[in-house]
Amino acid sequence: GIEDTARILGLLYLGLTAAAAAIL
């Protein structure tokens, strides 16, 4: 489903952002 795909991409985007914030 489109909703599931959007959710996965959103979570990946959020995870990368959190990782960047933590490293900085």
mmCIF file of all heavy atoms, coordinates in Angstrom:
data_MODEL
# 
_entry.id   MODEL 
# 
loop_
_atom_site.group_PDB 
_atom_site.id 
_atom_site.type_symbol 
_atom_site.label_atom_id 
_atom_site.label_alt_id 
_atom_site.label_comp_id 
_atom_site.label_asym_id 
_atom_site.label_entity_id 
_atom_site.label_seq_id 
_atom_site.pdbx_PDB_ins_code 
_atom_site.Cartn_x 
_atom_site.Cartn_y 
_atom_site.Cartn_z 
_atom_site.occupancy 
_atom_site.B_iso_or_equiv 
_atom_site.pdbx_formal_charge 
_atom_site.auth_seq_id 
_atom_site.auth_comp_id 
_atom_site.auth_asym_id 
_atom_site.auth_atom_id 
_atom_site.pdbx_PDB_model_num 
ATOM 1   N N   . GLY A 1 1  ? 0.815  -1.209 0.000  1.00 0.00 ? 1  GLY A N   1 
ATOM 2   C CA  . GLY A 1 1  ? 0.000  0.000  0.000  1.00 0.00 ? 1  GLY A CA  1 
ATOM 3   C C   . GLY A 1 1  ? 0.844  1.253  0.000  1.00 0.00 ? 1  GLY A C   1 
ATOM 4   O O   . GLY A 1 1  ? 1.959  1.279  0.514  1.00 0.00 ? 1  GLY A O   1 
ATOM 5   N N   . ILE A 1 2  ? 0.314  2.322  -0.614 1.00 0.00 ? 2  ILE A N   1 
ATOM 6   C CA  . ILE A 1 2  ? 1.007  3.600  -0.649 1.00 0.00 ? 2  ILE A CA  1 
ATOM 7   C C   . ILE A 1 2  ? 1.260  4.102  0.767  1.00 0.00 ? 2  ILE A C   1 
ATOM 8   O O   . ILE A 1 2  ? 2.321  4.639  1.080  1.00 0.00 ? 2  ILE A O   1 
ATOM 9   C CB  . ILE A 1 2  ? 0.190  4.631  -1.453 1.00 0.00 ? 2  ILE A CB  1 
ATOM 10  C CG1 . ILE A 1 2  ? 0.189  4.265  -2.940 1.00 0.00 ? 2  ILE A CG1 1 
ATOM 11  C CG2 . ILE A 1 2  ? 0.754  6.034  -1.261 1.00 0.00 ? 2  ILE A CG2 1 
ATOM 12  C CD1 . ILE A 1 2  ? -0.655 5.170  -3.795 1.00 0.00 ? 2  ILE A CD1 1 
ATOM 13  N N   . GLU A 1 3  ? 0.271  3.913  1.646  1.00 0.00 ? 3  GLU A N   1 
ATOM 14  C CA  . GLU A 1 3  ? 0.411  4.380  3.021  1.00 0.00 ? 3  GLU A CA  1 
ATOM 15  C C   . GLU A 1 3  ? 1.583  3.706  3.716  1.00 0.00 ? 3  GLU A C   1 
ATOM 16  O O   . GLU A 1 3  ? 2.361  4.363  4.428  1.00 0.00 ? 3  GLU A O   1 
ATOM 17  C CB  . GLU A 1 3  ? -0.883 4.131  3.812  1.00 0.00 ? 3  GLU A CB  1 
ATOM 18  C CG  . GLU A 1 3  ? -2.091 4.900  3.316  1.00 0.00 ? 3  GLU A CG  1 
ATOM 19  C CD  . GLU A 1 3  ? -2.785 4.227  2.141  1.00 0.00 ? 3  GLU A CD  1 
ATOM 20  O OE1 . GLU A 1 3  ? -2.311 3.137  1.722  1.00 0.00 ? 3  GLU A OE1 1 
ATOM 21  O OE2 . GLU A 1 3  ? -3.782 4.779  1.639  1.00 0.00 ? 3  GLU A OE2 1 
ATOM 22  N N   . ASP A 1 4  ? 1.742  2.402  3.497  1.00 0.00 ? 4  ASP A N   1 
ATOM 23  C CA  . ASP A 1 4  ? 2.856  1.687  4.118  1.00 0.00 ? 4  ASP A CA  1 
ATOM 24  C C   . ASP A 1 4  ? 4.197  2.156  3.561  1.00 0.00 ? 4  ASP A C   1 
ATOM 25  O O   . ASP A 1 4  ? 5.177  2.315  4.299  1.00 0.00 ? 4  ASP A O   1 
ATOM 26  C CB  . ASP A 1 4  ? 2.710  0.177  3.891  1.00 0.00 ? 4  ASP A CB  1 
ATOM 27  C CG  . ASP A 1 4  ? 1.543  -0.415 4.667  1.00 0.00 ? 4  ASP A CG  1 
ATOM 28  O OD1 . ASP A 1 4  ? 1.161  0.182  5.690  1.00 0.00 ? 4  ASP A OD1 1 
ATOM 29  O OD2 . ASP A 1 4  ? 1.016  -1.457 4.244  1.00 0.00 ? 4  ASP A OD2 1 
ATOM 30  N N   . THR A 1 5  ? 4.242  2.389  2.243  1.00 0.00 ? 5  THR A N   1 
ATOM 31  C CA  . THR A 1 5  ? 5.479  2.873  1.637  1.00 0.00 ? 5  THR A CA  1 
ATOM 32  C C   . THR A 1 5  ? 5.841  4.242  2.184  1.00 0.00 ? 5  THR A C   1 
ATOM 33  O O   . THR A 1 5  ? 7.000  4.498  2.526  1.00 0.00 ? 5  THR A O   1 
ATOM 34  C CB  . THR A 1 5  ? 5.324  2.955  0.101  1.00 0.00 ? 5  THR A CB  1 
ATOM 35  O OG1 . THR A 1 5  ? 5.032  1.657  -0.408 1.00 0.00 ? 5  THR A OG1 1 
ATOM 36  C CG2 . THR A 1 5  ? 6.592  3.483  -0.543 1.00 0.00 ? 5  THR A CG2 1 
ATOM 37  N N   . ALA A 1 6  ? 4.850  5.141  2.255  1.00 0.00 ? 6  ALA A N   1 
ATOM 38  C CA  . ALA A 1 6  ? 5.091  6.479  2.793  1.00 0.00 ? 6  ALA A CA  1 
ATOM 39  C C   . ALA A 1 6  ? 5.560  6.395  4.242  1.00 0.00 ? 6  ALA A C   1 
ATOM 40  O O   . ALA A 1 6  ? 6.459  7.134  4.658  1.00 0.00 ? 6  ALA A O   1 
ATOM 41  C CB  . ALA A 1 6  ? 3.821  7.319  2.690  1.00 0.00 ? 6  ALA A CB  1 
ATOM 42  N N   . ARG A 1 7  ? 4.975  5.479  5.008  1.00 0.00 ? 7  ARG A N   1 
ATOM 43  C CA  . ARG A 1 7  ? 5.360  5.338  6.414  1.00 0.00 ? 7  ARG A CA  1 
ATOM 44  C C   . ARG A 1 7  ? 6.808  4.860  6.529  1.00 0.00 ? 7  ARG A C   1 
ATOM 45  O O   . ARG A 1 7  ? 7.578  5.364  7.359  1.00 0.00 ? 7  ARG A O   1 
ATOM 46  C CB  . ARG A 1 7  ? 4.425  4.344  7.099  1.00 0.00 ? 7  ARG A CB  1 
ATOM 47  C CG  . ARG A 1 7  ? 4.758  4.090  8.566  1.00 0.00 ? 7  ARG A CG  1 
ATOM 48  C CD  . ARG A 1 7  ? 3.721  3.195  9.213  1.00 0.00 ? 7  ARG A CD  1 
ATOM 49  N NE  . ARG A 1 7  ? 3.535  1.955  8.475  1.00 0.00 ? 7  ARG A NE  1 
ATOM 50  C CZ  . ARG A 1 7  ? 4.337  0.896  8.592  1.00 0.00 ? 7  ARG A CZ  1 
ATOM 51  N NH1 . ARG A 1 7  ? 5.375  0.934  9.410  1.00 0.00 ? 7  ARG A NH1 1 
ATOM 52  N NH2 . ARG A 1 7  ? 4.106  -0.196 7.889  1.00 0.00 ? 7  ARG A NH2 1 
ATOM 53  N N   . ILE A 1 8  ? 7.196  3.904  5.687  1.00 0.00 ? 8  ILE A N   1 
ATOM 54  C CA  . ILE A 1 8  ? 8.568  3.386  5.727  1.00 0.00 ? 8  ILE A CA  1 
ATOM 55  C C   . ILE A 1 8  ? 9.574  4.478  5.366  1.00 0.00 ? 8  ILE A C   1 
ATOM 56  O O   . ILE A 1 8  ? 10.596 4.661  6.046  1.00 0.00 ? 8  ILE A O   1 
ATOM 57  C CB  . ILE A 1 8  ? 8.706  2.179  4.787  1.00 0.00 ? 8  ILE A CB  1 
ATOM 58  C CG1 . ILE A 1 8  ? 8.012  0.960  5.402  1.00 0.00 ? 8  ILE A CG1 1 
ATOM 59  C CG2 . ILE A 1 8  ? 10.168 1.864  4.516  1.00 0.00 ? 8  ILE A CG2 1 
ATOM 60  C CD1 . ILE A 1 8  ? 7.950  -0.230 4.477  1.00 0.00 ? 8  ILE A CD1 1 
ATOM 61  N N   . LEU A 1 9  ? 9.287  5.216  4.292  1.00 0.00 ? 9  LEU A N   1 
ATOM 62  C CA  . LEU A 1 9  ? 10.189 6.293  3.900  1.00 0.00 ? 9  LEU A CA  1 
ATOM 63  C C   . LEU A 1 9  ? 10.246 7.374  4.974  1.00 0.00 ? 9  LEU A C   1 
ATOM 64  O O   . LEU A 1 9  ? 11.312 7.928  5.258  1.00 0.00 ? 9  LEU A O   1 
ATOM 65  C CB  . LEU A 1 9  ? 9.749  6.892  2.561  1.00 0.00 ? 9  LEU A CB  1 
ATOM 66  C CG  . LEU A 1 9  ? 9.912  5.999  1.327  1.00 0.00 ? 9  LEU A CG  1 
ATOM 67  C CD1 . LEU A 1 9  ? 9.432  6.730  0.080  1.00 0.00 ? 9  LEU A CD1 1 
ATOM 68  C CD2 . LEU A 1 9  ? 11.350 5.559  1.150  1.00 0.00 ? 9  LEU A CD2 1 
ATOM 69  N N   . GLY A 1 10 ? 9.095  7.663  5.588  1.00 0.00 ? 10 GLY A N   1 
ATOM 70  C CA  . GLY A 1 10 ? 9.061  8.651  6.662  1.00 0.00 ? 10 GLY A CA  1 
ATOM 71  C C   . GLY A 1 10 ? 9.873  8.222  7.866  1.00 0.00 ? 10 GLY A C   1 
ATOM 72  O O   . GLY A 1 10 ? 10.603 9.022  8.462  1.00 0.00 ? 10 GLY A O   1 
ATOM 73  N N   . LEU A 1 11 ? 9.758  6.952  8.235  1.00 0.00 ? 11 LEU A N   1 
ATOM 74  C CA  . LEU A 1 11 ? 10.524 6.442  9.376  1.00 0.00 ? 11 LEU A CA  1 
ATOM 75  C C   . LEU A 1 11 ? 12.021 6.430  9.077  1.00 0.00 ? 11 LEU A C   1 
ATOM 76  O O   . LEU A 1 11 ? 12.849 6.722  9.953  1.00 0.00 ? 11 LEU A O   1 
ATOM 77  C CB  . LEU A 1 11 ? 10.042 5.028  9.738  1.00 0.00 ? 11 LEU A CB  1 
ATOM 78  C CG  . LEU A 1 11 ? 8.663  4.936  10.398 1.00 0.00 ? 11 LEU A CG  1 
ATOM 79  C CD1 . LEU A 1 11 ? 8.247  3.478  10.569 1.00 0.00 ? 11 LEU A CD1 1 
ATOM 80  C CD2 . LEU A 1 11 ? 8.665  5.646  11.759 1.00 0.00 ? 11 LEU A CD2 1 
ATOM 81  N N   . LEU A 1 12 ? 12.381 6.086  7.837  1.00 0.00 ? 12 LEU A N   1 
ATOM 82  C CA  . LEU A 1 12 ? 13.790 6.107  7.441  1.00 0.00 ? 12 LEU A CA  1 
ATOM 83  C C   . LEU A 1 12 ? 14.336 7.525  7.523  1.00 0.00 ? 12 LEU A C   1 
ATOM 84  O O   . LEU A 1 12 ? 15.440 7.759  8.046  1.00 0.00 ? 12 LEU A O   1 
ATOM 85  C CB  . LEU A 1 12 ? 13.933 5.556  6.025  1.00 0.00 ? 12 LEU A CB  1 
ATOM 86  C CG  . LEU A 1 12 ? 15.344 5.538  5.418  1.00 0.00 ? 12 LEU A CG  1 
ATOM 87  C CD1 . LEU A 1 12 ? 16.294 4.709  6.267  1.00 0.00 ? 12 LEU A CD1 1 
ATOM 88  C CD2 . LEU A 1 12 ? 15.303 5.007  3.987  1.00 0.00 ? 12 LEU A CD2 1 
ATOM 89  N N   . TYR A 1 13 ? 13.569 8.478  7.028  1.00 0.00 ? 13 TYR A N   1 
ATOM 90  C CA  . TYR A 1 13 ? 13.946 9.894  7.063  1.00 0.00 ? 13 TYR A CA  1 
ATOM 91  C C   . TYR A 1 13 ? 14.091 10.377 8.503  1.00 0.00 ? 13 TYR A C   1 
ATOM 92  O O   . TYR A 1 13 ? 15.068 11.057 8.857  1.00 0.00 ? 13 TYR A O   1 
ATOM 93  C CB  . TYR A 1 13 ? 12.866 10.688 6.328  1.00 0.00 ? 13 TYR A CB  1 
ATOM 94  C CG  . TYR A 1 13 ? 13.130 12.153 6.118  1.00 0.00 ? 13 TYR A CG  1 
ATOM 95  C CD1 . TYR A 1 13 ? 14.090 12.589 5.208  1.00 0.00 ? 13 TYR A CD1 1 
ATOM 96  C CD2 . TYR A 1 13 ? 12.388 13.116 6.791  1.00 0.00 ? 13 TYR A CD2 1 
ATOM 97  C CE1 . TYR A 1 13 ? 14.302 13.934 4.978  1.00 0.00 ? 13 TYR A CE1 1 
ATOM 98  C CE2 . TYR A 1 13 ? 12.591 14.465 6.573  1.00 0.00 ? 13 TYR A CE2 1 
ATOM 99  C CZ  . TYR A 1 13 ? 13.553 14.865 5.660  1.00 0.00 ? 13 TYR A CZ  1 
ATOM 100 O OH  . TYR A 1 13 ? 13.762 16.203 5.437  1.00 0.00 ? 13 TYR A OH  1 
ATOM 101 N N   . LEU A 1 14 ? 13.148 10.009 9.342  1.00 0.00 ? 14 LEU A N   1 
ATOM 102 C CA  . LEU A 1 14 ? 13.192 10.382 10.761 1.00 0.00 ? 14 LEU A CA  1 
ATOM 103 C C   . LEU A 1 14 ? 14.389 9.741  11.453 1.00 0.00 ? 14 LEU A C   1 
ATOM 104 O O   . LEU A 1 14 ? 15.081 10.387 12.259 1.00 0.00 ? 14 LEU A O   1 
ATOM 105 C CB  . LEU A 1 14 ? 11.890 9.961  11.445 1.00 0.00 ? 14 LEU A CB  1 
ATOM 106 C CG  . LEU A 1 14 ? 11.734 10.326 12.928 1.00 0.00 ? 14 LEU A CG  1 
ATOM 107 C CD1 . LEU A 1 14 ? 11.742 11.842 13.108 1.00 0.00 ? 14 LEU A CD1 1 
ATOM 108 C CD2 . LEU A 1 14 ? 10.428 9.742  13.482 1.00 0.00 ? 14 LEU A CD2 1 
ATOM 109 N N   . GLY A 1 15 ? 14.650 8.472  11.135 1.00 0.00 ? 15 GLY A N   1 
ATOM 110 C CA  . GLY A 1 15 ? 15.780 7.775  11.741 1.00 0.00 ? 15 GLY A CA  1 
ATOM 111 C C   . GLY A 1 15 ? 17.107 8.402  11.370 1.00 0.00 ? 15 GLY A C   1 
ATOM 112 O O   . GLY A 1 15 ? 17.999 8.558  12.228 1.00 0.00 ? 15 GLY A O   1 
ATOM 113 N N   . LEU A 1 16 ? 17.271 8.775  10.106 1.00 0.00 ? 16 LEU A N   1 
ATOM 114 C CA  . LEU A 1 16 ? 18.512 9.427  9.674  1.00 0.00 ? 16 LEU A CA  1 
ATOM 115 C C   . LEU A 1 16 ? 18.681 10.777 10.357 1.00 0.00 ? 16 LEU A C   1 
ATOM 116 O O   . LEU A 1 16 ? 19.802 11.159 10.744 1.00 0.00 ? 16 LEU A O   1 
ATOM 117 C CB  . LEU A 1 16 ? 18.507 9.604  8.156  1.00 0.00 ? 16 LEU A CB  1 
ATOM 118 C CG  . LEU A 1 16 ? 18.675 8.331  7.319  1.00 0.00 ? 16 LEU A CG  1 
ATOM 119 C CD1 . LEU A 1 16 ? 18.443 8.634  5.844  1.00 0.00 ? 16 LEU A CD1 1 
ATOM 120 C CD2 . LEU A 1 16 ? 20.065 7.735  7.523  1.00 0.00 ? 16 LEU A CD2 1 
ATOM 121 N N   . THR A 1 17 ? 17.573 11.504 10.508 1.00 0.00 ? 17 THR A N   1 
ATOM 122 C CA  . THR A 1 17 ? 17.635 12.804 11.188 1.00 0.00 ? 17 THR A CA  1 
ATOM 123 C C   . THR A 1 17 ? 18.047 12.633 12.646 1.00 0.00 ? 17 THR A C   1 
ATOM 124 O O   . THR A 1 17 ? 18.894 13.382 13.159 1.00 0.00 ? 17 THR A O   1 
ATOM 125 C CB  . THR A 1 17 ? 16.275 13.518 11.110 1.00 0.00 ? 17 THR A CB  1 
ATOM 126 O OG1 . THR A 1 17 ? 15.858 13.616 9.746  1.00 0.00 ? 17 THR A OG1 1 
ATOM 127 C CG2 . THR A 1 17 ? 16.357 14.906 11.707 1.00 0.00 ? 17 THR A CG2 1 
ATOM 128 N N   . ALA A 1 18 ? 17.450 11.654 13.315 1.00 0.00 ? 18 ALA A N   1 
ATOM 129 C CA  . ALA A 1 18 ? 17.791 11.399 14.718 1.00 0.00 ? 18 ALA A CA  1 
ATOM 130 C C   . ALA A 1 18 ? 19.258 10.995 14.855 1.00 0.00 ? 18 ALA A C   1 
ATOM 131 O O   . ALA A 1 18 ? 19.957 11.437 15.782 1.00 0.00 ? 18 ALA A O   1 
ATOM 132 C CB  . ALA A 1 18 ? 16.880 10.313 15.284 1.00 0.00 ? 18 ALA A CB  1 
ATOM 133 N N   . ALA A 1 19 ? 19.737 10.171 13.929 1.00 0.00 ? 19 ALA A N   1 
ATOM 134 C CA  . ALA A 1 19 ? 21.145 9.742  13.963 1.00 0.00 ? 19 ALA A CA  1 
ATOM 135 C C   . ALA A 1 19 ? 22.077 10.935 13.768 1.00 0.00 ? 19 ALA A C   1 
ATOM 136 O O   . ALA A 1 19 ? 23.102 11.060 14.461 1.00 0.00 ? 19 ALA A O   1 
ATOM 137 C CB  . ALA A 1 19 ? 21.392 8.691  12.894 1.00 0.00 ? 19 ALA A CB  1 
ATOM 138 N N   . ALA A 1 20 ? 21.724 11.819 12.836 1.00 0.00 ? 20 ALA A N   1 
ATOM 139 C CA  . ALA A 1 20 ? 22.551 13.006 12.600 1.00 0.00 ? 20 ALA A CA  1 
ATOM 140 C C   . ALA A 1 20 ? 22.590 13.899 13.835 1.00 0.00 ? 20 ALA A C   1 
ATOM 141 O O   . ALA A 1 20 ? 23.657 14.393 14.228 1.00 0.00 ? 20 ALA A O   1 
ATOM 142 C CB  . ALA A 1 20 ? 22.012 13.784 11.402 1.00 0.00 ? 20 ALA A CB  1 
ATOM 143 N N   . ALA A 1 21 ? 21.424 14.107 14.459 1.00 0.00 ? 21 ALA A N   1 
ATOM 144 C CA  . ALA A 1 21 ? 21.367 14.944 15.664 1.00 0.00 ? 21 ALA A CA  1 
ATOM 145 C C   . ALA A 1 21 ? 22.205 14.334 16.781 1.00 0.00 ? 21 ALA A C   1 
ATOM 146 O O   . ALA A 1 21 ? 22.938 15.044 17.494 1.00 0.00 ? 21 ALA A O   1 
ATOM 147 C CB  . ALA A 1 21 ? 19.927 15.123 16.111 1.00 0.00 ? 21 ALA A CB  1 
ATOM 148 N N   . ALA A 1 22 ? 22.114 13.022 16.950 1.00 0.00 ? 22 ALA A N   1 
ATOM 149 C CA  . ALA A 1 22 ? 22.858 12.342 18.015 1.00 0.00 ? 22 ALA A CA  1 
ATOM 150 C C   . ALA A 1 22 ? 24.355 12.452 17.794 1.00 0.00 ? 22 ALA A C   1 
ATOM 151 O O   . ALA A 1 22 ? 25.123 12.716 18.739 1.00 0.00 ? 22 ALA A O   1 
ATOM 152 C CB  . ALA A 1 22 ? 22.432 10.880 18.086 1.00 0.00 ? 22 ALA A CB  1 
ATOM 153 N N   . ILE A 1 23 ? 24.798 12.262 16.568 1.00 0.00 ? 23 ILE A N   1 
ATOM 154 C CA  . ILE A 1 23 ? 26.233 12.330 16.268 1.00 0.00 ? 23 ILE A CA  1 
ATOM 155 C C   . ILE A 1 23 ? 26.758 13.752 16.471 1.00 0.00 ? 23 ILE A C   1 
ATOM 156 O O   . ILE A 1 23 ? 27.830 13.964 17.070 1.00 0.00 ? 23 ILE A O   1 
ATOM 157 C CB  . ILE A 1 23 ? 26.502 11.847 14.834 1.00 0.00 ? 23 ILE A CB  1 
ATOM 158 C CG1 . ILE A 1 23 ? 26.235 10.339 14.742 1.00 0.00 ? 23 ILE A CG1 1 
ATOM 159 C CG2 . ILE A 1 23 ? 27.937 12.158 14.408 1.00 0.00 ? 23 ILE A CG2 1 
ATOM 160 C CD1 . ILE A 1 23 ? 26.278 9.789  13.334 1.00 0.00 ? 23 ILE A CD1 1 
ATOM 161 N N   . LEU A 1 24 ? 26.014 14.740 15.988 1.00 0.00 ? 24 LEU A N   1 
ATOM 162 C CA  . LEU A 1 24 ? 26.455 16.127 16.154 1.00 0.00 ? 24 LEU A CA  1 
ATOM 163 C C   . LEU A 1 24 ? 26.507 16.517 17.626 1.00 0.00 ? 24 LEU A C   1 
ATOM 164 O O   . LEU A 1 24 ? 27.458 17.177 18.081 1.00 0.00 ? 24 LEU A O   1 
ATOM 165 C CB  . LEU A 1 24 ? 25.520 17.066 15.383 1.00 0.00 ? 24 LEU A CB  1 
ATOM 166 C CG  . LEU A 1 24 ? 25.587 16.989 13.855 1.00 0.00 ? 24 LEU A CG  1 
ATOM 167 C CD1 . LEU A 1 24 ? 24.549 17.895 13.226 1.00 0.00 ? 24 LEU A CD1 1 
ATOM 168 C CD2 . LEU A 1 24 ? 26.976 17.346 13.350 1.00 0.00 ? 24 LEU A CD2 1 
# 
